[in-house]
Amino acid sequence: ILRTGITNYVNSRNDKIRAYYLAFLVMIFAM
């Protein structure tokens, strides 16, 4: 789950989508 999210974050070109990826990844990691 974390690897997929990080990979998608790195491959994303849209800054707004990258911010969403980062927000969800941080929340999932904390949980």
All heavy atoms as atom14 arrays in JSON, in Angstrom:
{
  "sequence": "ILRTGITNYVNSRNDKIRAYYLAFLVMIFAM",
  "atom14_mask": [
    [1, 1, 1, 1, 1, 1, 1, 1, 0, 0, 0, 0, 0, 0],
    [1, 1, 1, 1, 1, 1, 1, 1, 0, 0, 0, 0, 0, 0],
    [1, 1, 1, 1, 1, 1, 1, 1, 1, 1, 1, 0, 0, 0],
    [1, 1, 1, 1, 1, 1, 1, 0, 0, 0, 0, 0, 0, 0],
    [1, 1, 1, 1, 0, 0, 0, 0, 0, 0, 0, 0, 0, 0],
    [1, 1, 1, 1, 1, 1, 1, 1, 0, 0, 0, 0, 0, 0],
    [1, 1, 1, 1, 1, 1, 1, 0, 0, 0, 0, 0, 0, 0],
    [1, 1, 1, 1, 1, 1, 1, 1, 0, 0, 0, 0, 0, 0],
    [1, 1, 1, 1, 1, 1, 1, 1, 1, 1, 1, 1, 0, 0],
    [1, 1, 1, 1, 1, 1, 1, 0, 0, 0, 0, 0, 0, 0],
    [1, 1, 1, 1, 1, 1, 1, 1, 0, 0, 0, 0, 0, 0],
    [1, 1, 1, 1, 1, 1, 0, 0, 0, 0, 0, 0, 0, 0],
    [1, 1, 1, 1, 1, 1, 1, 1, 1, 1, 1, 0, 0, 0],
    [1, 1, 1, 1, 1, 1, 1, 1, 0, 0, 0, 0, 0, 0],
    [1, 1, 1, 1, 1, 1, 1, 1, 0, 0, 0, 0, 0, 0],
    [1, 1, 1, 1, 1, 1, 1, 1, 1, 0, 0, 0, 0, 0],
    [1, 1, 1, 1, 1, 1, 1, 1, 0, 0, 0, 0, 0, 0],
    [1, 1, 1, 1, 1, 1, 1, 1, 1, 1, 1, 0, 0, 0],
    [1, 1, 1, 1, 1, 0, 0, 0, 0, 0, 0, 0, 0, 0],
    [1, 1, 1, 1, 1, 1, 1, 1, 1, 1, 1, 1, 0, 0],
    [1, 1, 1, 1, 1, 1, 1, 1, 1, 1, 1, 1, 0, 0],
    [1, 1, 1, 1, 1, 1, 1, 1, 0, 0, 0, 0, 0, 0],
    [1, 1, 1, 1, 1, 0, 0, 0, 0, 0, 0, 0, 0, 0],
    [1, 1, 1, 1, 1, 1, 1, 1, 1, 1, 1, 0, 0, 0],
    [1, 1, 1, 1, 1, 1, 1, 1, 0, 0, 0, 0, 0, 0],
    [1, 1, 1, 1, 1, 1, 1, 0, 0, 0, 0, 0, 0, 0],
    [1, 1, 1, 1, 1, 1, 1, 1, 0, 0, 0, 0, 0, 0],
    [1, 1, 1, 1, 1, 1, 1, 1, 0, 0, 0, 0, 0, 0],
    [1, 1, 1, 1, 1, 1, 1, 1, 1, 1, 1, 0, 0, 0],
    [1, 1, 1, 1, 1, 0, 0, 0, 0, 0, 0, 0, 0, 0],
    [1, 1, 1, 1, 1, 1, 1, 1, 0, 0, 0, 0, 0, 0]
  ],
  "atom14_positions": [
    [[0.84, -1.2, 0.0], [0.0, 0.0, 0.0], [0.88, 1.25, 0.0], [0.7, 2.15, -0.82], [-0.95, 0.0, 1.21], [-2.03, -1.07, 1.04], [-1.58, 1.37, 1.42], [-2.81, -1.36, 2.31], [0.0, 0.0, 0.0], [0.0, 0.0, 0.0], [0.0, 0.0, 0.0], [0.0, 0.0, 0.0], [0.0, 0.0, 0.0], [0.0, 0.0, 0.0]],
    [[1.83, 1.3, 0.92], [2.7, 2.47, 1.0], [3.59, 2.61, -0.24], [3.77, 3.71, -0.75], [3.56, 2.39, 2.26], [2.81, 2.59, 3.58], [3.73, 2.34, 4.77], [2.21, 3.98, 3.66], [0.0, 0.0, 0.0], [0.0, 0.0, 0.0], [0.0, 0.0, 0.0], [0.0, 0.0, 0.0], [0.0, 0.0, 0.0], [0.0, 0.0, 0.0]],
    [[4.12, 1.49, -0.73], [4.97, 1.55, -1.92], [4.19, 2.04, -3.13], [4.68, 2.86, -3.91], [5.58, 0.17, -2.21], [6.61, 0.22, -3.33], [6.98, -1.11, -3.83], [5.8, -1.64, -4.53], [5.65, -2.9, -4.88], [6.55, -3.79, -4.59], [4.57, -3.29, -5.5], [0.0, 0.0, 0.0], [0.0, 0.0, 0.0], [0.0, 0.0, 0.0]],
    [[2.97, 1.56, -3.3], [2.13, 1.98, -4.42], [1.84, 3.49, -4.33], [1.95, 4.2, -5.33], [0.81, 1.2, -4.44], [1.11, -0.19, -4.54], [-0.07, 1.62, -5.59], [0.0, 0.0, 0.0], [0.0, 0.0, 0.0], [0.0, 0.0, 0.0], [0.0, 0.0, 0.0], [0.0, 0.0, 0.0], [0.0, 0.0, 0.0], [0.0, 0.0, 0.0]],
    [[1.5, 3.96, -3.15], [1.23, 5.38, -2.98], [2.45, 6.24, -3.25], [2.35, 7.28, -3.91], [0.0, 0.0, 0.0], [0.0, 0.0, 0.0], [0.0, 0.0, 0.0], [0.0, 0.0, 0.0], [0.0, 0.0, 0.0], [0.0, 0.0, 0.0], [0.0, 0.0, 0.0], [0.0, 0.0, 0.0], [0.0, 0.0, 0.0], [0.0, 0.0, 0.0]],
    [[3.6, 5.79, -2.76], [4.84, 6.56, -2.99], [5.21, 6.55, -4.46], [5.6, 7.58, -5.02], [5.98, 5.99, -2.12], [5.7, 6.29, -0.64], [7.33, 6.57, -2.53], [6.6, 5.56, 0.33], [0.0, 0.0, 0.0], [0.0, 0.0, 0.0], [0.0, 0.0, 0.0], [0.0, 0.0, 0.0], [0.0, 0.0, 0.0], [0.0, 0.0, 0.0]],
    [[5.07, 5.41, -5.12], [5.36, 5.31, -6.56], [4.45, 6.24, -7.35], [4.91, 6.96, -8.25], [5.21, 3.86, -7.05], [6.08, 3.03, -6.3], [5.51, 3.74, -8.53], [0.0, 0.0, 0.0], [0.0, 0.0, 0.0], [0.0, 0.0, 0.0], [0.0, 0.0, 0.0], [0.0, 0.0, 0.0], [0.0, 0.0, 0.0], [0.0, 0.0, 0.0]],
    [[3.16, 6.21, -7.03], [2.22, 7.09, -7.73], [2.51, 8.55, -7.45], [2.38, 9.4, -8.34], [0.79, 6.74, -7.35], [0.34, 5.41, -7.89], [1.0, 4.81, -8.75], [-0.76, 4.9, -7.37], [0.0, 0.0, 0.0], [0.0, 0.0, 0.0], [0.0, 0.0, 0.0], [0.0, 0.0, 0.0], [0.0, 0.0, 0.0], [0.0, 0.0, 0.0]],
    [[2.93, 8.86, -6.23], [3.29, 10.24, -5.89], [4.49, 10.7, -6.72], [4.47, 11.8, -7.29], [3.63, 10.32, -4.39], [4.28, 11.62, -3.99], [3.53, 12.77, -3.81], [5.66, 11.71, -3.81], [4.11, 13.97, -3.44], [6.26, 12.9, -3.45], [5.48, 14.03, -3.27], [6.07, 15.21, -2.92], [0.0, 0.0, 0.0], [0.0, 0.0, 0.0]],
    [[5.49, 9.87, -6.82], [6.7, 10.23, -7.57], [6.39, 10.37, -9.06], [6.92, 11.27, -9.72], [7.82, 9.18, -7.33], [8.98, 9.38, -8.27], [8.28, 9.24, -5.89], [0.0, 0.0, 0.0], [0.0, 0.0, 0.0], [0.0, 0.0, 0.0], [0.0, 0.0, 0.0], [0.0, 0.0, 0.0], [0.0, 0.0, 0.0], [0.0, 0.0, 0.0]],
    [[5.53, 9.53, -9.6], [5.21, 9.55, -11.03], [4.19, 10.62, -11.4], [4.0, 10.89, -12.58], [4.72, 8.18, -11.48], [5.81, 7.14, -11.43], [6.99, 7.45, -11.52], [5.41, 5.89, -11.27], [0.0, 0.0, 0.0], [0.0, 0.0, 0.0], [0.0, 0.0, 0.0], [0.0, 0.0, 0.0], [0.0, 0.0, 0.0], [0.0, 0.0, 0.0]],
    [[3.54, 11.22, -10.42], [2.52, 12.23, -10.7], [3.16, 13.52, -11.21], [4.22, 13.94, -10.75], [1.72, 12.51, -9.43], [0.79, 13.52, -9.67], [0.0, 0.0, 0.0], [0.0, 0.0, 0.0], [0.0, 0.0, 0.0], [0.0, 0.0, 0.0], [0.0, 0.0, 0.0], [0.0, 0.0, 0.0], [0.0, 0.0, 0.0], [0.0, 0.0, 0.0]],
    [[2.51, 14.15, -12.17], [3.01, 15.41, -12.73], [2.19, 16.61, -12.29], [2.62, 17.74, -12.41], [2.99, 15.34, -14.27], [3.86, 14.25, -14.84], [5.33, 14.57, -14.57], [6.15, 13.43, -14.94], [7.03, 12.85, -14.13], [7.18, 13.28, -12.91], [7.74, 11.84, -14.53], [0.0, 0.0, 0.0], [0.0, 0.0, 0.0], [0.0, 0.0, 0.0]],
    [[1.03, 16.38, -11.75], [0.14, 17.45, -11.32], [0.42, 17.77, -9.85], [0.32, 16.9, -8.98], [-1.32, 16.99, -11.5], [-2.31, 18.08, -11.22], [-2.1, 18.91, -10.35], [-3.41, 18.05, -11.97], [0.0, 0.0, 0.0], [0.0, 0.0, 0.0], [0.0, 0.0, 0.0], [0.0, 0.0, 0.0], [0.0, 0.0, 0.0], [0.0, 0.0, 0.0]],
    [[0.74, 19.03, -9.56], [1.11, 19.42, -8.2], [-0.04, 19.24, -7.21], [0.17, 18.87, -6.05], [1.59, 20.87, -8.16], [2.95, 21.04, -8.81], [3.68, 20.03, -8.9], [3.28, 22.16, -9.22], [0.0, 0.0, 0.0], [0.0, 0.0, 0.0], [0.0, 0.0, 0.0], [0.0, 0.0, 0.0], [0.0, 0.0, 0.0], [0.0, 0.0, 0.0]],
    [[-1.26, 19.51, -7.66], [-2.41, 19.36, -6.77], [-2.63, 17.88, -6.43], [-2.87, 17.55, -5.27], [-3.65, 19.94, -7.45], [-4.82, 20.11, -6.54], [-5.93, 20.87, -7.24], [-7.06, 21.17, -6.29], [-8.13, 21.92, -6.93], [0.0, 0.0, 0.0], [0.0, 0.0, 0.0], [0.0, 0.0, 0.0], [0.0, 0.0, 0.0], [0.0, 0.0, 0.0]],
    [[-2.52, 17.02, -7.41], [-2.67, 15.57, -7.17], [-1.53, 15.08, -6.27], [-1.76, 14.26, -5.38], [-2.69, 14.81, -8.51], [-3.87, 15.25, -9.38], [-2.72, 13.31, -8.29], [-5.22, 14.87, -8.87], [0.0, 0.0, 0.0], [0.0, 0.0, 0.0], [0.0, 0.0, 0.0], [0.0, 0.0, 0.0], [0.0, 0.0, 0.0], [0.0, 0.0, 0.0]],
    [[-0.33, 15.59, -6.48], [0.81, 15.2, -5.63], [0.55, 15.58, -4.17], [0.89, 14.83, -3.25], [2.09, 15.86, -6.11], [2.67, 15.22, -7.35], [3.86, 16.01, -7.89], [4.99, 15.99, -6.97], [6.02, 15.17, -7.07], [6.06, 14.3, -8.05], [7.01, 15.22, -6.2], [0.0, 0.0, 0.0], [0.0, 0.0, 0.0], [0.0, 0.0, 0.0]],
    [[-0.07, 16.74, -3.95], [-0.4, 17.16, -2.59], [-1.42, 16.22, -1.96], [-1.31, 15.86, -0.78], [-0.93, 18.6, -2.6], [0.0, 0.0, 0.0], [0.0, 0.0, 0.0], [0.0, 0.0, 0.0], [0.0, 0.0, 0.0], [0.0, 0.0, 0.0], [0.0, 0.0, 0.0], [0.0, 0.0, 0.0], [0.0, 0.0, 0.0], [0.0, 0.0, 0.0]],
    [[-2.4, 15.78, -2.76], [-3.37, 14.8, -2.25], [-2.69, 13.47, -1.93], [-2.98, 12.86, -0.9], [-4.5, 14.58, -3.26], [-5.48, 15.73, -3.35], [-5.86, 16.23, -4.59], [-6.03, 16.3, -2.21], [-6.75, 17.28, -4.69], [-6.93, 17.34, -2.3], [-7.29, 17.82, -3.55], [-8.18, 18.86, -3.64], [0.0, 0.0, 0.0], [0.0, 0.0, 0.0]],
    [[-1.82, 13.02, -2.83], [-1.07, 11.78, -2.56], [-0.32, 11.9, -1.24], [-0.35, 10.99, -0.4], [-0.06, 11.5, -3.67], [-0.58, 10.67, -4.8], [-0.53, 11.15, -6.11], [-1.11, 9.41, -4.61], [-0.99, 10.39, -7.17], [-1.57, 8.64, -5.65], [-1.51, 9.13, -6.94], [-1.97, 8.39, -7.98], [0.0, 0.0, 0.0], [0.0, 0.0, 0.0]],
    [[0.36, 13.0, -1.06], [1.17, 13.19, 0.14], [0.29, 13.21, 1.39], [0.62, 12.58, 2.41], [1.98, 14.48, 0.03], [3.07, 14.68, 1.06], [4.08, 13.55, 1.01], [3.77, 16.0, 0.83], [0.0, 0.0, 0.0], [0.0, 0.0, 0.0], [0.0, 0.0, 0.0], [0.0, 0.0, 0.0], [0.0, 0.0, 0.0], [0.0, 0.0, 0.0]],
    [[-0.84, 13.88, 1.32], [-1.75, 13.95, 2.46], [-2.27, 12.56, 2.83], [-2.26, 12.17, 4.01], [-2.92, 14.88, 2.15], [0.0, 0.0, 0.0], [0.0, 0.0, 0.0], [0.0, 0.0, 0.0], [0.0, 0.0, 0.0], [0.0, 0.0, 0.0], [0.0, 0.0, 0.0], [0.0, 0.0, 0.0], [0.0, 0.0, 0.0], [0.0, 0.0, 0.0]],
    [[-2.7, 11.79, 1.83], [-3.21, 10.45, 2.11], [-2.11, 9.52, 2.59], [-2.32, 8.71, 3.49], [-3.91, 9.86, 0.88], [-5.28, 10.43, 0.66], [-5.56, 11.13, -0.5], [-6.28, 10.29, 1.6], [-6.82, 11.67, -0.72], [-7.55, 10.82, 1.4], [-7.81, 11.51, 0.23], [0.0, 0.0, 0.0], [0.0, 0.0, 0.0], [0.0, 0.0, 0.0]],
    [[-0.91, 9.64, 2.02], [0.2, 8.79, 2.45], [0.59, 9.06, 3.9], [0.84, 8.13, 4.66], [1.41, 8.98, 1.53], [1.38, 8.21, 0.23], [2.48, 8.7, -0.7], [1.53, 6.73, 0.5], [0.0, 0.0, 0.0], [0.0, 0.0, 0.0], [0.0, 0.0, 0.0], [0.0, 0.0, 0.0], [0.0, 0.0, 0.0], [0.0, 0.0, 0.0]],
    [[0.67, 10.32, 4.26], [1.02, 10.67, 5.63], [-0.04, 10.14, 6.6], [0.28, 9.58, 7.65], [1.21, 12.2, 5.79], [1.27, 12.61, 7.24], [2.46, 12.64, 5.05], [0.0, 0.0, 0.0], [0.0, 0.0, 0.0], [0.0, 0.0, 0.0], [0.0, 0.0, 0.0], [0.0, 0.0, 0.0], [0.0, 0.0, 0.0], [0.0, 0.0, 0.0]],
    [[-1.3, 10.3, 6.23], [-2.39, 9.83, 7.09], [-2.35, 8.3, 7.22], [-2.48, 7.76, 8.33], [-3.73, 10.28, 6.52], [-4.88, 9.97, 7.42], [-6.42, 10.79, 6.94], [-6.53, 10.48, 5.21], [0.0, 0.0, 0.0], [0.0, 0.0, 0.0], [0.0, 0.0, 0.0], [0.0, 0.0, 0.0], [0.0, 0.0, 0.0], [0.0, 0.0, 0.0]],
    [[-2.17, 7.6, 6.12], [-2.12, 6.13, 6.15], [-0.91, 5.66, 6.96], [-1.02, 4.74, 7.78], [-2.1, 5.57, 4.71], [-3.47, 5.79, 4.06], [-1.73, 4.1, 4.71], [-3.5, 5.53, 2.57], [0.0, 0.0, 0.0], [0.0, 0.0, 0.0], [0.0, 0.0, 0.0], [0.0, 0.0, 0.0], [0.0, 0.0, 0.0], [0.0, 0.0, 0.0]],
    [[0.24, 6.3, 6.76], [1.44, 5.93, 7.52], [1.22, 6.13, 9.02], [1.57, 5.27, 9.83], [2.65, 6.73, 7.03], [3.91, 6.41, 7.78], [4.58, 5.23, 7.54], [4.4, 7.28, 8.74], [5.74, 4.92, 8.24], [5.55, 6.99, 9.44], [6.23, 5.8, 9.19], [0.0, 0.0, 0.0], [0.0, 0.0, 0.0], [0.0, 0.0, 0.0]],
    [[0.63, 7.24, 9.39], [0.37, 7.52, 10.8], [-0.59, 6.48, 11.39], [-0.41, 6.03, 12.53], [-0.19, 8.92, 10.97], [0.0, 0.0, 0.0], [0.0, 0.0, 0.0], [0.0, 0.0, 0.0], [0.0, 0.0, 0.0], [0.0, 0.0, 0.0], [0.0, 0.0, 0.0], [0.0, 0.0, 0.0], [0.0, 0.0, 0.0], [0.0, 0.0, 0.0]],
    [[-1.58, 6.08, 10.62], [-2.52, 5.06, 11.11], [-1.84, 3.71, 11.28], [-2.13, 2.97, 12.22], [-3.71, 4.95, 10.17], [-4.65, 6.1, 10.23], [-6.0, 5.83, 9.1], [-6.93, 7.31, 9.32], [0.0, 0.0, 0.0], [0.0, 0.0, 0.0], [0.0, 0.0, 0.0], [0.0, 0.0, 0.0], [0.0, 0.0, 0.0], [0.0, 0.0, 0.0]]
  ]
}
